[in-house]
Amino acid sequence: MGRVDVAYETSLAMRPFLAWDAPGCGATFCAESAKLSIPFPVATAQAVLDREGIDNFHVVGHSMGA
């Protein structure tokens, strides 16, 4: 399991955060690697935000480098 660096940032200590792995990145798996284009993880991120009831957010330290 990787580190969630934002959890250690003292200036953000009073802010909630949600850390997730995009499909096919980090510890997640995607059976259909052909779907791993930008629209797929964007749709997945939107689904995660919707499920959690989050409609106002900042993206911090996101990378497509996986």
PDB file of N, CA and C in Angstrom:
ATOM      1  N   MET A   1       0.848  -1.170   0.000  1.00  0.00           N
ATOM      2  CA  MET A   1       0.000   0.000   0.000  1.00  0.00           C
ATOM      3  C   MET A   1       0.892   1.232   0.000  1.00  0.00           C
ATOM      4  N   GLY A   2       0.572   2.201  -0.839  1.00  0.00           N
ATOM      5  CA  GLY A   2       1.361   3.416  -0.937  1.00  0.00           C
ATOM      6  C   GLY A   2       1.000   4.430   0.133  1.00  0.00           C
ATOM      7  N   ARG A   3       1.862   5.407   0.276  1.00  0.00           N
ATOM      8  CA  ARG A   3       1.614   6.490   1.227  1.00  0.00           C
ATOM      9  C   ARG A   3       0.614   7.471   0.665  1.00  0.00           C
ATOM     10  N   VAL A   4      -0.148   8.060   1.511  1.00  0.00           N
ATOM     11  CA  VAL A   4      -1.064   9.141   1.145  1.00  0.00           C
ATOM     12  C   VAL A   4      -0.457  10.402   1.752  1.00  0.00           C
ATOM     13  N   ASP A   5       0.450  11.042   1.007  1.00  0.00           N
ATOM     14  CA  ASP A   5       1.217  12.161   1.545  1.00  0.00           C
ATOM     15  C   ASP A   5       0.353  13.288   2.089  1.00  0.00           C
ATOM     16  N   VAL A   6      -0.807  13.527   1.500  1.00  0.00           N
ATOM     17  CA  VAL A   6      -1.659  14.609   1.987  1.00  0.00           C
ATOM     18  C   VAL A   6      -2.063  14.391   3.444  1.00  0.00           C
ATOM     19  N   ALA A   7      -2.097  13.156   3.878  1.00  0.00           N
ATOM     20  CA  ALA A   7      -2.454  12.849   5.268  1.00  0.00           C
ATOM     21  C   ALA A   7      -1.399  13.350   6.247  1.00  0.00           C
ATOM     22  N   TYR A   8      -0.187  13.582   5.764  1.00  0.00           N
ATOM     23  CA  TYR A   8       0.907  14.037   6.621  1.00  0.00           C
ATOM     24  C   TYR A   8       1.171  15.531   6.497  1.00  0.00           C
ATOM     25  N   GLU A   9       0.422  16.232   5.679  1.00  0.00           N
ATOM     26  CA  GLU A   9       0.613  17.668   5.461  1.00  0.00           C
ATOM     27  C   GLU A   9      -0.110  18.439   6.561  1.00  0.00           C
ATOM     28  N   THR A  10       0.653  19.043   7.466  1.00  0.00           N
ATOM     29  CA  THR A  10       0.054  19.705   8.630  1.00  0.00           C
ATOM     30  C   THR A  10      -0.847  20.874   8.253  1.00  0.00           C
ATOM     31  N   SER A  11      -0.573  21.555   7.143  1.00  0.00           N
ATOM     32  CA  SER A  11      -1.419  22.689   6.757  1.00  0.00           C
ATOM     33  C   SER A  11      -2.807  22.234   6.297  1.00  0.00           C
ATOM     34  N   LEU A  12      -2.963  20.957   6.041  1.00  0.00           N
ATOM     35  CA  LEU A  12      -4.258  20.409   5.621  1.00  0.00           C
ATOM     36  C   LEU A  12      -4.903  19.559   6.714  1.00  0.00           C
ATOM     37  N   ALA A  13      -4.376  19.621   7.919  1.00  0.00           N
ATOM     38  CA  ALA A  13      -4.811  18.739   9.000  1.00  0.00           C
ATOM     39  C   ALA A  13      -6.299  18.831   9.305  1.00  0.00           C
ATOM     40  N   MET A  14      -6.905  19.976   9.140  1.00  0.00           N
ATOM     41  CA  MET A  14      -8.322  20.140   9.470  1.00  0.00           C
ATOM     42  C   MET A  14      -9.236  19.965   8.257  1.00  0.00           C
ATOM     43  N   ARG A  15      -8.691  19.517   7.157  1.00  0.00           N
ATOM     44  CA  ARG A  15      -9.487  19.345   5.940  1.00  0.00           C
ATOM     45  C   ARG A  15      -9.715  17.860   5.658  1.00  0.00           C
ATOM     46  N   PRO A  16     -10.936  17.495   5.316  1.00  0.00           N
ATOM     47  CA  PRO A  16     -11.174  16.088   4.940  1.00  0.00           C
ATOM     48  C   PRO A  16     -10.565  15.812   3.565  1.00  0.00           C
ATOM     49  N   PHE A  17     -10.227  14.567   3.314  1.00  0.00           N
ATOM     50  CA  PHE A  17      -9.733  14.209   1.986  1.00  0.00           C
ATOM     51  C   PHE A  17     -10.177  12.801   1.637  1.00  0.00           C
ATOM     52  N   LEU A  18     -10.192  12.553   0.357  1.00  0.00           N
ATOM     53  CA  LEU A  18     -10.539  11.239  -0.175  1.00  0.00           C
ATOM     54  C   LEU A  18      -9.406  10.831  -1.103  1.00  0.00           C
ATOM     55  N   ALA A  19      -8.757   9.730  -0.809  1.00  0.00           N
ATOM     56  CA  ALA A  19      -7.676   9.214  -1.651  1.00  0.00           C
ATOM     57  C   ALA A  19      -8.172   7.959  -2.353  1.00  0.00           C
ATOM     58  N   TRP A  20      -7.925   7.861  -3.647  1.00  0.00           N
ATOM     59  CA  TRP A  20      -8.369   6.692  -4.390  1.00  0.00           C
ATOM     60  C   TRP A  20      -7.370   6.378  -5.491  1.00  0.00           C
ATOM     61  N   ASP A  21      -7.330   5.128  -5.895  1.00  0.00           N
ATOM     62  CA  ASP A  21      -6.522   4.692  -7.037  1.00  0.00           C
ATOM     63  C   ASP A  21      -7.397   4.706  -8.280  1.00  0.00           C
ATOM     64  N   ALA A  22      -6.914   5.333  -9.322  1.00  0.00           N
ATOM     65  CA  ALA A  22      -7.615   5.267 -10.611  1.00  0.00           C
ATOM     66  C   ALA A  22      -7.500   3.839 -11.155  1.00  0.00           C
ATOM     67  N   PRO A  23      -8.480   3.398 -11.932  1.00  0.00           N
ATOM     68  CA  PRO A  23      -8.432   2.041 -12.488  1.00  0.00           C
ATOM     69  C   PRO A  23      -7.131   1.789 -13.254  1.00  0.00           C
ATOM     70  N   GLY A  24      -6.477   0.689 -12.931  1.00  0.00           N
ATOM     71  CA  GLY A  24      -5.236   0.322 -13.603  1.00  0.00           C
ATOM     72  C   GLY A  24      -4.011   1.011 -13.034  1.00  0.00           C
ATOM     73  N   CYS A  25      -4.159   1.782 -11.965  1.00  0.00           N
ATOM     74  CA  CYS A  25      -3.047   2.501 -11.339  1.00  0.00           C
ATOM     75  C   CYS A  25      -2.915   2.051  -9.888  1.00  0.00           C
ATOM     76  N   GLY A  26      -1.756   2.212  -9.334  1.00  0.00           N
ATOM     77  CA  GLY A  26      -1.570   1.878  -7.922  1.00  0.00           C
ATOM     78  C   GLY A  26      -1.912   0.432  -7.640  1.00  0.00           C
ATOM     79  N   ALA A  27      -2.813   0.216  -6.693  1.00  0.00           N
ATOM     80  CA  ALA A  27      -3.166  -1.141  -6.268  1.00  0.00           C
ATOM     81  C   ALA A  27      -4.409  -1.669  -6.973  1.00  0.00           C
ATOM     82  N   THR A  28      -4.975  -0.906  -7.909  1.00  0.00           N
ATOM     83  CA  THR A  28      -6.185  -1.362  -8.585  1.00  0.00           C
ATOM     84  C   THR A  28      -5.861  -2.109  -9.870  1.00  0.00           C
ATOM     85  N   PHE A  29      -6.846  -2.813 -10.374  1.00  0.00           N
ATOM     86  CA  PHE A  29      -6.701  -3.624 -11.578  1.00  0.00           C
ATOM     87  C   PHE A  29      -7.817  -3.263 -12.548  1.00  0.00           C
ATOM     88  N   CYS A  30      -7.519  -3.266 -13.822  1.00  0.00           N
ATOM     89  CA  CYS A  30      -8.537  -3.052 -14.845  1.00  0.00           C
ATOM     90  C   CYS A  30      -8.413  -4.174 -15.864  1.00  0.00           C
ATOM     91  N   ALA A  31      -9.441  -4.991 -15.961  1.00  0.00           N
ATOM     92  CA  ALA A  31      -9.407  -6.144 -16.857  1.00  0.00           C
ATOM     93  C   ALA A  31      -9.380  -5.749 -18.330  1.00  0.00           C
ATOM     94  N   GLU A  32      -9.895  -4.563 -18.638  1.00  0.00           N
ATOM     95  CA  GLU A  32      -9.935  -4.119 -20.029  1.00  0.00           C
ATOM     96  C   GLU A  32      -8.998  -2.921 -20.205  1.00  0.00           C
ATOM     97  N   SER A  33      -7.712  -3.214 -20.416  1.00  0.00           N
ATOM     98  CA  SER A  33      -6.720  -2.142 -20.496  1.00  0.00           C
ATOM     99  C   SER A  33      -6.986  -1.174 -21.646  1.00  0.00           C
ATOM    100  N   ALA A  34      -7.738  -1.573 -22.644  1.00  0.00           N
ATOM    101  CA  ALA A  34      -8.074  -0.671 -23.750  1.00  0.00           C
ATOM    102  C   ALA A  34      -8.937   0.496 -23.277  1.00  0.00           C
ATOM    103  N   LYS A  35      -9.619   0.342 -22.138  1.00  0.00           N
ATOM    104  CA  LYS A  35     -10.449   1.418 -21.586  1.00  0.00           C
ATOM    105  C   LYS A  35      -9.634   2.459 -20.828  1.00  0.00           C
ATOM    106  N   LEU A  36      -8.342   2.233 -20.657  1.00  0.00           N
ATOM    107  CA  LEU A  36      -7.523   3.135 -19.851  1.00  0.00           C
ATOM    108  C   LEU A  36      -7.092   4.366 -20.648  1.00  0.00           C
ATOM    109  N   SER A  37      -8.071   5.141 -21.052  1.00  0.00           N
ATOM    110  CA  SER A  37      -7.826   6.436 -21.660  1.00  0.00           C
ATOM    111  C   SER A  37      -8.386   7.477 -20.687  1.00  0.00           C
ATOM    112  N   ILE A  38      -8.078   8.723 -20.878  1.00  0.00           N
ATOM    113  CA  ILE A  38      -8.468   9.767 -19.925  1.00  0.00           C
ATOM    114  C   ILE A  38      -9.969   9.761 -19.596  1.00  0.00           C
ATOM    115  N   PRO A  39     -10.888   9.605 -20.557  1.00  0.00           N
ATOM    116  CA  PRO A  39     -12.315   9.638 -20.191  1.00  0.00           C
ATOM    117  C   PRO A  39     -12.740   8.579 -19.170  1.00  0.00           C
ATOM    118  N   PHE A  40     -12.132   7.404 -19.185  1.00  0.00           N
ATOM    119  CA  PHE A  40     -12.529   6.339 -18.263  1.00  0.00           C
ATOM    120  C   PHE A  40     -12.213   6.689 -16.806  1.00  0.00           C
ATOM    121  N   PRO A  41     -10.973   7.079 -16.458  1.00  0.00           N
ATOM    122  CA  PRO A  41     -10.737   7.445 -15.056  1.00  0.00           C
ATOM    123  C   PRO A  41     -11.478   8.715 -14.639  1.00  0.00           C
ATOM    124  N   VAL A  42     -11.731   9.614 -15.581  1.00  0.00           N
ATOM    125  CA  VAL A  42     -12.519  10.804 -15.248  1.00  0.00           C
ATOM    126  C   VAL A  42     -13.935  10.383 -14.849  1.00  0.00           C
ATOM    127  N   ALA A  43     -14.549   9.501 -15.625  1.00  0.00           N
ATOM    128  CA  ALA A  43     -15.893   9.004 -15.308  1.00  0.00           C
ATOM    129  C   ALA A  43     -15.889   8.242 -13.988  1.00  0.00           C
ATOM    130  N   THR A  44     -14.839   7.483 -13.739  1.00  0.00           N
ATOM    131  CA  THR A  44     -14.735   6.739 -12.490  1.00  0.00           C
ATOM    132  C   THR A  44     -14.593   7.696 -11.302  1.00  0.00           C
ATOM    133  N   ALA A  45     -13.779   8.729 -11.455  1.00  0.00           N
ATOM    134  CA  ALA A  45     -13.625   9.725 -10.393  1.00  0.00           C
ATOM    135  C   ALA A  45     -14.961  10.402 -10.103  1.00  0.00           C
ATOM    136  N   GLN A  46     -15.702  10.730 -11.154  1.00  0.00           N
ATOM    137  CA  GLN A  46     -17.010  11.362 -10.967  1.00  0.00           C
ATOM    138  C   GLN A  46     -17.958  10.425 -10.227  1.00  0.00           C
ATOM    139  N   ALA A  47     -17.912   9.145 -10.545  1.00  0.00           N
ATOM    140  CA  ALA A  47     -18.758   8.171  -9.853  1.00  0.00           C
ATOM    141  C   ALA A  47     -18.389   8.074  -8.368  1.00  0.00           C
ATOM    142  N   VAL A  48     -17.089   8.105  -8.060  1.00  0.00           N
ATOM    143  CA  VAL A  48     -16.646   8.069  -6.661  1.00  0.00           C
ATOM    144  C   VAL A  48     -17.144   9.311  -5.925  1.00  0.00           C
ATOM    145  N   LEU A  49     -16.972  10.481  -6.540  1.00  0.00           N
ATOM    146  CA  LEU A  49     -17.431  11.729  -5.921  1.00  0.00           C
ATOM    147  C   LEU A  49     -18.945  11.715  -5.717  1.00  0.00           C
ATOM    148  N   ASP A  50     -19.678  11.255  -6.716  1.00  0.00           N
ATOM    149  CA  ASP A  50     -21.139  11.175  -6.599  1.00  0.00           C
ATOM    150  C   ASP A  50     -21.548  10.235  -5.469  1.00  0.00           C
ATOM    151  N   ARG A  51     -20.901   9.081  -5.412  1.00  0.00           N
ATOM    152  CA  ARG A  51     -21.235   8.087  -4.375  1.00  0.00           C
ATOM    153  C   ARG A  51     -20.999   8.645  -2.973  1.00  0.00           C
ATOM    154  N   GLU A  52     -19.949   9.442  -2.837  1.00  0.00           N
ATOM    155  CA  GLU A  52     -19.611  10.017  -1.532  1.00  0.00           C
ATOM    156  C   GLU A  52     -20.343  11.328  -1.258  1.00  0.00           C
ATOM    157  N   GLY A  53     -21.135  11.801  -2.224  1.00  0.00           N
ATOM    158  CA  GLY A  53     -21.889  13.045  -2.039  1.00  0.00           C
ATOM    159  C   GLY A  53     -21.013  14.289  -2.067  1.00  0.00           C
ATOM    160  N   ILE A  54     -19.897  14.207  -2.769  1.00  0.00           N
ATOM    161  CA  ILE A  54     -18.948  15.329  -2.838  1.00  0.00           C
ATOM    162  C   ILE A  54     -19.201  16.097  -4.130  1.00  0.00           C
ATOM    163  N   ASP A  55     -19.553  17.391  -3.998  1.00  0.00           N
ATOM    164  CA  ASP A  55     -19.772  18.189  -5.204  1.00  0.00           C
ATOM    165  C   ASP A  55     -18.868  19.419  -5.274  1.00  0.00           C
ATOM    166  N   ASN A  56     -18.061  19.624  -4.246  1.00  0.00           N
ATOM    167  CA  ASN A  56     -17.119  20.735  -4.218  1.00  0.00           C
ATOM    168  C   ASN A  56     -15.792  20.173  -3.734  1.00  0.00           C
ATOM    169  N   PHE A  57     -14.749  20.248  -4.557  1.00  0.00           N
ATOM    170  CA  PHE A  57     -13.491  19.596  -4.206  1.00  0.00           C
ATOM    171  C   PHE A  57     -12.313  20.238  -4.918  1.00  0.00           C
ATOM    172  N   HIS A  58     -11.126  19.933  -4.444  1.00  0.00           N
ATOM    173  CA  HIS A  58      -9.862  20.297  -5.069  1.00  0.00           C
ATOM    174  C   HIS A  58      -9.114  18.999  -5.358  1.00  0.00           C
ATOM    175  N   VAL A  59      -8.452  18.934  -6.495  1.00  0.00           N
ATOM    176  CA  VAL A  59      -7.617  17.795  -6.815  1.00  0.00           C
ATOM    177  C   VAL A  59      -6.197  18.179  -6.422  1.00  0.00           C
ATOM    178  N   VAL A  60      -5.558  17.336  -5.613  1.00  0.00           N
ATOM    179  CA  VAL A  60      -4.211  17.637  -5.117  1.00  0.00           C
ATOM    180  C   VAL A  60      -3.262  16.509  -5.511  1.00  0.00           C
ATOM    181  N   GLY A  61      -2.185  16.845  -6.157  1.00  0.00           N
ATOM    182  CA  GLY A  61      -1.136  15.873  -6.443  1.00  0.00           C
ATOM    183  C   GLY A  61      -1.544  14.750  -7.367  1.00  0.00           C
ATOM    184  N   HIS A  62      -2.527  14.980  -8.223  1.00  0.00           N
ATOM    185  CA  HIS A  62      -2.961  13.926  -9.128  1.00  0.00           C
ATOM    186  C   HIS A  62      -1.975  13.787 -10.274  1.00  0.00           C
ATOM    187  N   SER A  63      -1.717  12.565 -10.684  1.00  0.00           N
ATOM    188  CA  SER A  63      -0.781  12.305 -11.766  1.00  0.00           C
ATOM    189  C   SER A  63      -1.291  11.168 -12.631  1.00  0.00           C
ATOM    190  N   MET A  64      -1.117  11.298 -13.920  1.00  0.00           N
ATOM    191  CA  MET A  64      -1.457  10.206 -14.834  1.00  0.00           C
ATOM    192  C   MET A  64      -0.181   9.424 -15.165  1.00  0.00           C
ATOM    193  N   GLY A  65       0.837   9.554 -14.328  1.00  0.00           N
ATOM    194  CA  GLY A  65       2.117   8.924 -14.574  1.00  0.00           C
ATOM    195  C   GLY A  65       2.145   7.424 -14.372  1.00  0.00           C
ATOM    196  N   ALA A  66       1.050   6.837 -13.919  1.00  0.00           N
ATOM    197  CA  ALA A  66       1.024   5.393 -13.710  1.00  0.00           C
ATOM    198  C   ALA A  66       1.054   4.696 -15.043  1.00  0.00           C
TER     199      ALA A  66
END
